[in-house]
């Protein structure tokens, strides 16, 4: 029974350390999030520019 408790305690400790390591954000993750944000903002601006161009073209046709 002591071996089972030792194995269980080891597994619980390993799981706890794994969870603790996952909570910390490294520089690569921060850079990735910043890049995702920049790409999303650029996409929004391109979409807005396309909408404005369409509206201008529609107004010119009238």
C-alpha atoms as a PDB file:
ATOM      1  CA  UNK A   1       0.000   0.000   0.000  1.00  0.00           C
ATOM      2  CA  UNK A   2       2.862   2.410   0.648  1.00  0.00           C
ATOM      3  CA  UNK A   3       4.030   2.046  -2.946  1.00  0.00           C
ATOM      4  CA  UNK A   4       0.558   3.007  -4.203  1.00  0.00           C
ATOM      5  CA  UNK A   5       0.513   6.088  -1.974  1.00  0.00           C
ATOM      6  CA  UNK A   6       3.993   7.064  -3.146  1.00  0.00           C
ATOM      7  CA  UNK A   7       3.015   6.652  -6.800  1.00  0.00           C
ATOM      8  CA  UNK A   8      -0.221   8.578  -6.249  1.00  0.00           C
ATOM      9  CA  UNK A   9       1.611  11.387  -4.454  1.00  0.00           C
ATOM     10  CA  UNK A  10       4.194  11.547  -7.245  1.00  0.00           C
ATOM     11  CA  UNK A  11       1.488  11.743  -9.903  1.00  0.00           C
ATOM     12  CA  UNK A  12      -0.388  14.459  -8.019  1.00  0.00           C
ATOM     13  CA  UNK A  13       2.809  16.473  -7.592  1.00  0.00           C
ATOM     14  CA  UNK A  14       3.701  16.089 -11.278  1.00  0.00           C
ATOM     15  CA  UNK A  15       0.203  17.194 -12.278  1.00  0.00           C
ATOM     16  CA  UNK A  16       0.400  20.217  -9.961  1.00  0.00           C
ATOM     17  CA  UNK A  17       3.761  21.277 -11.418  1.00  0.00           C
ATOM     18  CA  UNK A  18       2.412  20.848 -14.939  1.00  0.00           C
ATOM     19  CA  UNK A  19      -0.559  23.094 -14.191  1.00  0.00           C
ATOM     20  CA  UNK A  20       1.659  25.702 -12.574  1.00  0.00           C
ATOM     21  CA  UNK A  21       3.915  25.777 -15.629  1.00  0.00           C
ATOM     22  CA  UNK A  22       0.955  26.209 -17.976  1.00  0.00           C
ATOM     23  CA  UNK A  23      -0.245  29.335 -16.191  1.00  0.00           C
ATOM     24  CA  UNK A  24       2.905  31.289 -16.916  1.00  0.00           C
ATOM     25  CA  UNK A  25       3.024  33.000 -20.276  1.00  0.00           C
ATOM     26  CA  UNK A  26       6.371  33.030 -22.009  1.00  0.00           C
ATOM     27  CA  UNK A  27       7.713  35.636 -24.426  1.00  0.00           C
ATOM     28  CA  UNK A  28       6.764  33.545 -27.450  1.00  0.00           C
ATOM     29  CA  UNK A  29       3.149  33.330 -26.296  1.00  0.00           C
ATOM     30  CA  UNK A  30       3.013  37.076 -25.662  1.00  0.00           C
ATOM     31  CA  UNK A  31       4.502  37.751 -29.099  1.00  0.00           C
ATOM     32  CA  UNK A  32       2.023  35.361 -30.688  1.00  0.00           C
ATOM     33  CA  UNK A  33      -0.911  37.072 -29.002  1.00  0.00           C
ATOM     34  CA  UNK A  34       0.392  40.482 -30.066  1.00  0.00           C
ATOM     35  CA  UNK A  35       0.756  39.242 -33.632  1.00  0.00           C
ATOM     36  CA  UNK A  36      -2.762  37.783 -33.605  1.00  0.00           C
ATOM     37  CA  UNK A  37      -4.100  41.092 -32.334  1.00  0.00           C
ATOM     38  CA  UNK A  38      -2.228  43.064 -35.003  1.00  0.00           C
ATOM     39  CA  UNK A  39      -3.469  40.788 -37.789  1.00  0.00           C
ATOM     40  CA  UNK A  40      -7.039  41.039 -36.510  1.00  0.00           C
ATOM     41  CA  UNK A  41      -6.846  44.839 -36.375  1.00  0.00           C
ATOM     42  CA  UNK A  42      -5.362  44.982 -39.877  1.00  0.00           C
ATOM     43  CA  UNK A  43      -8.150  42.744 -41.147  1.00  0.00           C
ATOM     44  CA  UNK A  44     -10.748  45.005 -39.562  1.00  0.00           C
ATOM     45  CA  UNK A  45      -9.188  48.080 -41.165  1.00  0.00           C
ATOM     46  CA  UNK A  46      -9.071  46.400 -44.581  1.00  0.00           C
ATOM     47  CA  UNK A  47     -12.700  45.364 -44.216  1.00  0.00           C
ATOM     48  CA  UNK A  48     -13.697  48.916 -43.247  1.00  0.00           C
ATOM     49  CA  UNK A  49     -11.771  50.337 -46.197  1.00  0.00           C
ATOM     50  CA  UNK A  50     -13.537  47.901 -48.521  1.00  0.00           C
ATOM     51  CA  UNK A  51     -16.908  48.908 -47.118  1.00  0.00           C
ATOM     52  CA  UNK A  52     -16.089  52.600 -47.586  1.00  0.00           C
ATOM     53  CA  UNK A  53     -14.929  51.981 -51.153  1.00  0.00           C
ATOM     54  CA  UNK A  54     -18.132  50.076 -51.903  1.00  0.00           C
ATOM     55  CA  UNK A  55     -20.236  52.866 -50.418  1.00  0.00           C
ATOM     56  CA  UNK A  56     -18.349  55.478 -52.446  1.00  0.00           C
ATOM     57  CA  UNK A  57     -18.793  53.438 -55.614  1.00  0.00           C
ATOM     58  CA  UNK A  58     -22.505  53.009 -54.922  1.00  0.00           C
ATOM     59  CA  UNK A  59     -22.888  56.749 -54.388  1.00  0.00           C
ATOM     60  CA  UNK A  60     -20.991  57.477 -57.607  1.00  0.00           C
ATOM     61  CA  UNK A  61     -23.325  55.195 -59.574  1.00  0.00           C
ATOM     62  CA  UNK A  62     -26.402  57.156 -58.408  1.00  0.00           C
END
